[in-house]
Amino acid sequence: MLFRLDPNSAEPLFAQIAAAVRGAVARGDVQPGERLPGARDLADSLGLNVHTVLRGYQQLRDEGLVELRRGRGAVVVRGAVGDWAELRQEVADVVERARGLGVSAQELFDMIRLEYR
């Protein structure tokens, strides 16, 4: 699993880690039951403090996307992946409908931003 972080971003590094995992789950790159990289190994490879990685993993745990197990690390929860797959399908349906109505990608992004507030 590839983690790309932007140290200049306004988004905290732990949130960027959580977002990278969410994205990998949404794309299907990470499967249910799959272990995420160990916090120490990931921190070393990214040049971060281990607590930054753990905070990102804890955020994912709080969202129900991963389970943290002592000795096994962070493991993707089986039920959560199905929810993400369902959400991906719903998004694909909305995009298809928007295209059919002649809505541009930017217009759709703007609509989503307004609803997300």
N, C-alpha and C. Protein backbone atom coordinates (compact mmCIF):
# COMPACT_ATOMS: atom_id res chain seq x y z
N MET A 1 0.85 -1.16 0.00
CA MET A 1 0.00 0.00 0.00
C MET A 1 0.90 1.23 0.00
N LEU A 2 0.58 2.17 -0.88
CA LEU A 2 1.40 3.37 -1.04
C LEU A 2 0.76 4.54 -0.30
N PHE A 3 1.53 5.21 0.52
CA PHE A 3 1.08 6.38 1.25
C PHE A 3 1.80 7.59 0.69
N ARG A 4 1.01 8.55 0.22
CA ARG A 4 1.59 9.82 -0.25
C ARG A 4 1.05 10.92 0.64
N LEU A 5 1.96 11.58 1.33
CA LEU A 5 1.57 12.65 2.23
C LEU A 5 2.13 13.97 1.75
N ASP A 6 1.41 15.04 2.04
CA ASP A 6 1.85 16.38 1.68
C ASP A 6 2.11 17.15 2.96
N PRO A 7 3.38 17.30 3.34
CA PRO A 7 3.68 18.00 4.59
C PRO A 7 3.28 19.47 4.57
N ASN A 8 3.04 20.03 3.39
CA ASN A 8 2.63 21.44 3.27
C ASN A 8 1.13 21.62 3.30
N SER A 9 0.39 20.53 3.33
CA SER A 9 -1.07 20.59 3.34
C SER A 9 -1.58 21.11 4.68
N ALA A 10 -2.74 21.76 4.65
CA ALA A 10 -3.39 22.20 5.89
C ALA A 10 -3.96 21.00 6.64
N GLU A 11 -4.18 19.89 5.93
CA GLU A 11 -4.71 18.68 6.56
C GLU A 11 -3.60 18.02 7.39
N PRO A 12 -3.87 17.70 8.65
CA PRO A 12 -2.84 17.06 9.49
C PRO A 12 -2.36 15.75 8.88
N LEU A 13 -1.13 15.39 9.19
CA LEU A 13 -0.54 14.17 8.63
C LEU A 13 -1.32 12.92 9.04
N PHE A 14 -1.80 12.86 10.29
CA PHE A 14 -2.55 11.68 10.71
C PHE A 14 -3.83 11.55 9.89
N ALA A 15 -4.46 12.68 9.55
CA ALA A 15 -5.68 12.65 8.75
C ALA A 15 -5.37 12.23 7.31
N GLN A 16 -4.20 12.61 6.81
CA GLN A 16 -3.80 12.19 5.47
C GLN A 16 -3.57 10.68 5.42
N ILE A 17 -3.01 10.13 6.50
CA ILE A 17 -2.82 8.68 6.57
C ILE A 17 -4.18 7.98 6.55
N ALA A 18 -5.11 8.46 7.37
CA ALA A 18 -6.45 7.87 7.41
C ALA A 18 -7.13 7.98 6.05
N ALA A 19 -6.98 9.13 5.38
CA ALA A 19 -7.60 9.32 4.06
C ALA A 19 -7.00 8.37 3.03
N ALA A 20 -5.69 8.12 3.12
CA ALA A 20 -5.04 7.20 2.18
C ALA A 20 -5.60 5.78 2.34
N VAL A 21 -5.81 5.38 3.59
CA VAL A 21 -6.37 4.04 3.83
C VAL A 21 -7.82 3.99 3.35
N ARG A 22 -8.61 5.03 3.66
CA ARG A 22 -10.00 5.06 3.18
C ARG A 22 -10.06 4.94 1.67
N GLY A 23 -9.18 5.66 1.00
CA GLY A 23 -9.15 5.61 -0.46
C GLY A 23 -8.79 4.24 -0.98
N ALA A 24 -7.82 3.59 -0.34
CA ALA A 24 -7.42 2.24 -0.76
C ALA A 24 -8.56 1.26 -0.56
N VAL A 25 -9.30 1.41 0.52
CA VAL A 25 -10.46 0.53 0.77
C VAL A 25 -11.53 0.80 -0.28
N ALA A 26 -11.80 2.08 -0.55
CA ALA A 26 -12.83 2.44 -1.52
C ALA A 26 -12.50 1.92 -2.92
N ARG A 27 -11.21 1.94 -3.28
CA ARG A 27 -10.80 1.46 -4.60
C ARG A 27 -10.73 -0.06 -4.67
N GLY A 28 -10.78 -0.71 -3.51
CA GLY A 28 -10.66 -2.15 -3.48
C GLY A 28 -9.22 -2.63 -3.44
N ASP A 29 -8.27 -1.71 -3.20
CA ASP A 29 -6.86 -2.09 -3.13
C ASP A 29 -6.55 -2.85 -1.84
N VAL A 30 -7.36 -2.64 -0.82
CA VAL A 30 -7.19 -3.31 0.46
C VAL A 30 -8.45 -4.15 0.70
N GLN A 31 -8.25 -5.39 1.04
CA GLN A 31 -9.35 -6.34 1.20
C GLN A 31 -9.69 -6.55 2.68
N PRO A 32 -10.91 -7.01 2.96
CA PRO A 32 -11.30 -7.31 4.34
C PRO A 32 -10.33 -8.33 4.95
N GLY A 33 -9.98 -8.10 6.21
CA GLY A 33 -9.07 -8.99 6.90
C GLY A 33 -7.60 -8.70 6.64
N GLU A 34 -7.33 -7.80 5.72
CA GLU A 34 -5.94 -7.47 5.38
C GLU A 34 -5.35 -6.55 6.43
N ARG A 35 -4.10 -6.81 6.76
CA ARG A 35 -3.39 -5.99 7.73
C ARG A 35 -2.79 -4.77 7.05
N LEU A 36 -2.87 -3.65 7.75
CA LEU A 36 -2.20 -2.44 7.28
C LEU A 36 -0.74 -2.51 7.73
N PRO A 37 0.12 -1.70 7.13
CA PRO A 37 1.53 -1.71 7.55
C PRO A 37 1.63 -1.41 9.06
N GLY A 38 2.59 -2.02 9.71
CA GLY A 38 2.82 -1.74 11.12
C GLY A 38 3.10 -0.27 11.35
N ALA A 39 2.63 0.25 12.46
CA ALA A 39 2.77 1.68 12.74
C ALA A 39 4.24 2.10 12.78
N ARG A 40 5.08 1.31 13.39
CA ARG A 40 6.51 1.67 13.47
C ARG A 40 7.16 1.64 12.08
N ASP A 41 6.84 0.60 11.31
CA ASP A 41 7.42 0.49 9.97
C ASP A 41 6.95 1.65 9.09
N LEU A 42 5.66 1.96 9.16
CA LEU A 42 5.12 3.04 8.34
C LEU A 42 5.72 4.38 8.77
N ALA A 43 5.81 4.60 10.07
CA ALA A 43 6.39 5.84 10.57
C ALA A 43 7.84 6.00 10.09
N ASP A 44 8.60 4.91 10.17
CA ASP A 44 9.99 4.96 9.72
C ASP A 44 10.08 5.26 8.22
N SER A 45 9.24 4.61 7.43
CA SER A 45 9.31 4.80 5.98
C SER A 45 8.86 6.20 5.55
N LEU A 46 8.00 6.82 6.35
CA LEU A 46 7.52 8.16 6.01
C LEU A 46 8.26 9.27 6.75
N GLY A 47 9.14 8.88 7.66
CA GLY A 47 9.88 9.87 8.44
C GLY A 47 8.99 10.59 9.44
N LEU A 48 8.04 9.85 10.03
CA LEU A 48 7.10 10.44 10.98
C LEU A 48 7.29 9.83 12.36
N ASN A 49 6.68 10.48 13.33
CA ASN A 49 6.62 9.93 14.67
C ASN A 49 5.59 8.80 14.67
N VAL A 50 5.86 7.73 15.38
CA VAL A 50 4.94 6.59 15.41
C VAL A 50 3.56 7.00 15.93
N HIS A 51 3.50 7.99 16.80
CA HIS A 51 2.22 8.43 17.36
C HIS A 51 1.34 9.10 16.29
N THR A 52 1.95 9.70 15.30
CA THR A 52 1.18 10.29 14.19
C THR A 52 0.47 9.19 13.42
N VAL A 53 1.18 8.11 13.13
CA VAL A 53 0.58 6.98 12.42
C VAL A 53 -0.51 6.34 13.28
N LEU A 54 -0.21 6.14 14.56
CA LEU A 54 -1.20 5.53 15.45
C LEU A 54 -2.46 6.38 15.55
N ARG A 55 -2.31 7.69 15.54
CA ARG A 55 -3.49 8.57 15.60
C ARG A 55 -4.34 8.40 14.34
N GLY A 56 -3.69 8.27 13.19
CA GLY A 56 -4.44 8.01 11.95
C GLY A 56 -5.16 6.68 12.01
N TYR A 57 -4.49 5.64 12.51
CA TYR A 57 -5.11 4.32 12.65
C TYR A 57 -6.25 4.36 13.66
N GLN A 58 -6.09 5.13 14.74
CA GLN A 58 -7.15 5.24 15.74
C GLN A 58 -8.38 5.94 15.16
N GLN A 59 -8.16 6.90 14.30
CA GLN A 59 -9.28 7.56 13.64
C GLN A 59 -10.06 6.56 12.79
N LEU A 60 -9.34 5.70 12.08
CA LEU A 60 -9.98 4.67 11.27
C LEU A 60 -10.72 3.66 12.15
N ARG A 61 -10.15 3.35 13.30
CA ARG A 61 -10.82 2.46 14.25
C ARG A 61 -12.12 3.09 14.74
N ASP A 62 -12.06 4.38 15.07
CA ASP A 62 -13.25 5.08 15.56
C ASP A 62 -14.35 5.13 14.50
N GLU A 63 -13.96 5.11 13.24
CA GLU A 63 -14.92 5.12 12.13
C GLU A 63 -15.44 3.72 11.83
N GLY A 64 -14.85 2.70 12.44
CA GLY A 64 -15.27 1.33 12.22
C GLY A 64 -14.68 0.69 10.98
N LEU A 65 -13.65 1.30 10.43
CA LEU A 65 -13.04 0.78 9.22
C LEU A 65 -11.95 -0.26 9.51
N VAL A 66 -11.26 -0.08 10.62
CA VAL A 66 -10.23 -1.04 11.00
C VAL A 66 -10.41 -1.44 12.45
N GLU A 67 -9.81 -2.56 12.78
CA GLU A 67 -9.76 -3.04 14.16
C GLU A 67 -8.30 -3.07 14.55
N LEU A 68 -8.00 -2.51 15.72
CA LEU A 68 -6.62 -2.52 16.21
C LEU A 68 -6.47 -3.69 17.17
N ARG A 69 -5.52 -4.56 16.85
CA ARG A 69 -5.29 -5.75 17.67
C ARG A 69 -3.85 -5.75 18.15
N ARG A 70 -3.70 -5.90 19.44
CA ARG A 70 -2.34 -5.96 20.00
C ARG A 70 -1.60 -7.15 19.39
N GLY A 71 -0.43 -6.87 18.87
CA GLY A 71 0.38 -7.93 18.28
C GLY A 71 0.08 -8.20 16.81
N ARG A 72 -1.11 -7.80 16.34
CA ARG A 72 -1.45 -8.01 14.92
C ARG A 72 -1.56 -6.70 14.17
N GLY A 73 -1.67 -5.58 14.87
CA GLY A 73 -1.74 -4.28 14.22
C GLY A 73 -3.15 -3.93 13.78
N ALA A 74 -3.23 -3.12 12.75
CA ALA A 74 -4.51 -2.65 12.22
C ALA A 74 -4.98 -3.58 11.11
N VAL A 75 -6.21 -4.07 11.25
CA VAL A 75 -6.79 -5.00 10.29
C VAL A 75 -8.09 -4.42 9.76
N VAL A 76 -8.27 -4.45 8.45
CA VAL A 76 -9.49 -3.91 7.84
C VAL A 76 -10.68 -4.79 8.24
N VAL A 77 -11.74 -4.14 8.71
CA VAL A 77 -12.93 -4.84 9.18
C VAL A 77 -13.75 -5.33 7.98
N ARG A 78 -14.26 -6.53 8.08
CA ARG A 78 -15.00 -7.13 6.96
C ARG A 78 -16.25 -6.35 6.57
N GLY A 79 -17.08 -5.99 7.51
CA GLY A 79 -18.32 -5.30 7.19
C GLY A 79 -18.13 -3.92 6.59
N ALA A 80 -17.07 -3.23 7.02
CA ALA A 80 -16.84 -1.87 6.56
C ALA A 80 -16.56 -1.80 5.06
N VAL A 81 -15.88 -2.80 4.54
CA VAL A 81 -15.55 -2.79 3.11
C VAL A 81 -16.81 -2.86 2.26
N GLY A 82 -17.79 -3.65 2.70
CA GLY A 82 -19.05 -3.72 1.97
C GLY A 82 -19.75 -2.38 1.91
N ASP A 83 -19.71 -1.64 3.03
CA ASP A 83 -20.31 -0.31 3.06
C ASP A 83 -19.62 0.62 2.07
N TRP A 84 -18.29 0.53 2.01
CA TRP A 84 -17.54 1.38 1.08
C TRP A 84 -17.85 1.00 -0.36
N ALA A 85 -17.95 -0.28 -0.64
CA ALA A 85 -18.27 -0.73 -2.00
C ALA A 85 -19.66 -0.22 -2.40
N GLU A 86 -20.58 -0.27 -1.47
CA GLU A 86 -21.93 0.22 -1.74
C GLU A 86 -21.91 1.73 -2.01
N LEU A 87 -21.14 2.46 -1.22
CA LEU A 87 -21.01 3.90 -1.43
C LEU A 87 -20.39 4.20 -2.79
N ARG A 88 -19.35 3.43 -3.17
CA ARG A 88 -18.73 3.63 -4.49
C ARG A 88 -19.75 3.45 -5.60
N GLN A 89 -20.61 2.45 -5.47
CA GLN A 89 -21.63 2.20 -6.49
C GLN A 89 -22.63 3.36 -6.54
N GLU A 90 -23.02 3.86 -5.38
CA GLU A 90 -23.94 4.99 -5.34
C GLU A 90 -23.33 6.22 -6.00
N VAL A 91 -22.04 6.45 -5.75
CA VAL A 91 -21.36 7.59 -6.38
C VAL A 91 -21.32 7.39 -7.89
N ALA A 92 -21.01 6.18 -8.34
CA ALA A 92 -20.99 5.90 -9.78
C ALA A 92 -22.36 6.16 -10.40
N ASP A 93 -23.42 5.80 -9.69
CA ASP A 93 -24.77 6.05 -10.18
C ASP A 93 -25.07 7.54 -10.30
N VAL A 94 -24.62 8.31 -9.29
CA VAL A 94 -24.84 9.76 -9.32
C VAL A 94 -24.06 10.39 -10.47
N VAL A 95 -22.84 9.95 -10.68
CA VAL A 95 -22.03 10.48 -11.79
C VAL A 95 -22.70 10.17 -13.13
N GLU A 96 -23.18 8.96 -13.28
CA GLU A 96 -23.86 8.58 -14.52
C GLU A 96 -25.10 9.45 -14.75
N ARG A 97 -25.86 9.66 -13.69
CA ARG A 97 -27.07 10.50 -13.80
C ARG A 97 -26.70 11.94 -14.14
N ALA A 98 -25.65 12.46 -13.49
CA ALA A 98 -25.21 13.83 -13.75
C ALA A 98 -24.77 13.99 -15.20
N ARG A 99 -24.03 13.01 -15.71
CA ARG A 99 -23.60 13.07 -17.12
C ARG A 99 -24.81 13.09 -18.04
N GLY A 100 -25.80 12.26 -17.72
CA GLY A 100 -27.02 12.22 -18.53
C GLY A 100 -27.77 13.54 -18.54
N LEU A 101 -27.64 14.30 -17.47
CA LEU A 101 -28.30 15.60 -17.37
C LEU A 101 -27.43 16.74 -17.89
N GLY A 102 -26.21 16.41 -18.31
CA GLY A 102 -25.30 17.43 -18.83
C GLY A 102 -24.60 18.23 -17.74
N VAL A 103 -24.55 17.71 -16.54
CA VAL A 103 -23.88 18.39 -15.43
C VAL A 103 -22.38 18.13 -15.53
N SER A 104 -21.59 19.20 -15.47
CA SER A 104 -20.14 19.04 -15.55
C SER A 104 -19.60 18.48 -14.24
N ALA A 105 -18.37 17.99 -14.31
CA ALA A 105 -17.73 17.45 -13.11
C ALA A 105 -17.61 18.55 -12.04
N GLN A 106 -17.23 19.74 -12.46
CA GLN A 106 -17.08 20.85 -11.50
C GLN A 106 -18.42 21.20 -10.86
N GLU A 107 -19.49 21.21 -11.65
CA GLU A 107 -20.81 21.50 -11.09
C GLU A 107 -21.22 20.42 -10.08
N LEU A 108 -20.92 19.17 -10.38
CA LEU A 108 -21.23 18.09 -9.47
C LEU A 108 -20.40 18.20 -8.19
N PHE A 109 -19.11 18.53 -8.32
CA PHE A 109 -18.27 18.74 -7.14
C PHE A 109 -18.85 19.84 -6.26
N ASP A 110 -19.27 20.93 -6.90
CA ASP A 110 -19.83 22.05 -6.15
C ASP A 110 -21.10 21.64 -5.41
N MET A 111 -21.95 20.83 -6.06
CA MET A 111 -23.17 20.34 -5.41
C MET A 111 -22.84 19.49 -4.19
N ILE A 112 -21.85 18.63 -4.35
CA ILE A 112 -21.46 17.75 -3.26
C ILE A 112 -20.88 18.57 -2.11
N ARG A 113 -20.03 19.53 -2.43
CA ARG A 113 -19.45 20.39 -1.40
C ARG A 113 -20.55 21.07 -0.58
N LEU A 114 -21.57 21.57 -1.25
CA LEU A 114 -22.67 22.24 -0.55
C LEU A 114 -23.42 21.28 0.38
N GLU A 115 -23.63 20.07 -0.08
CA GLU A 115 -24.34 19.08 0.74
C GLU A 115 -23.49 18.57 1.89
N TYR A 116 -22.17 18.58 1.72
CA TYR A 116 -21.26 18.00 2.71
C TYR A 116 -21.09 18.88 3.94
N ARG A 117 -21.43 20.12 3.82
CA ARG A 117 -21.25 21.07 4.95
C ARG A 117 -22.07 20.74 6.13
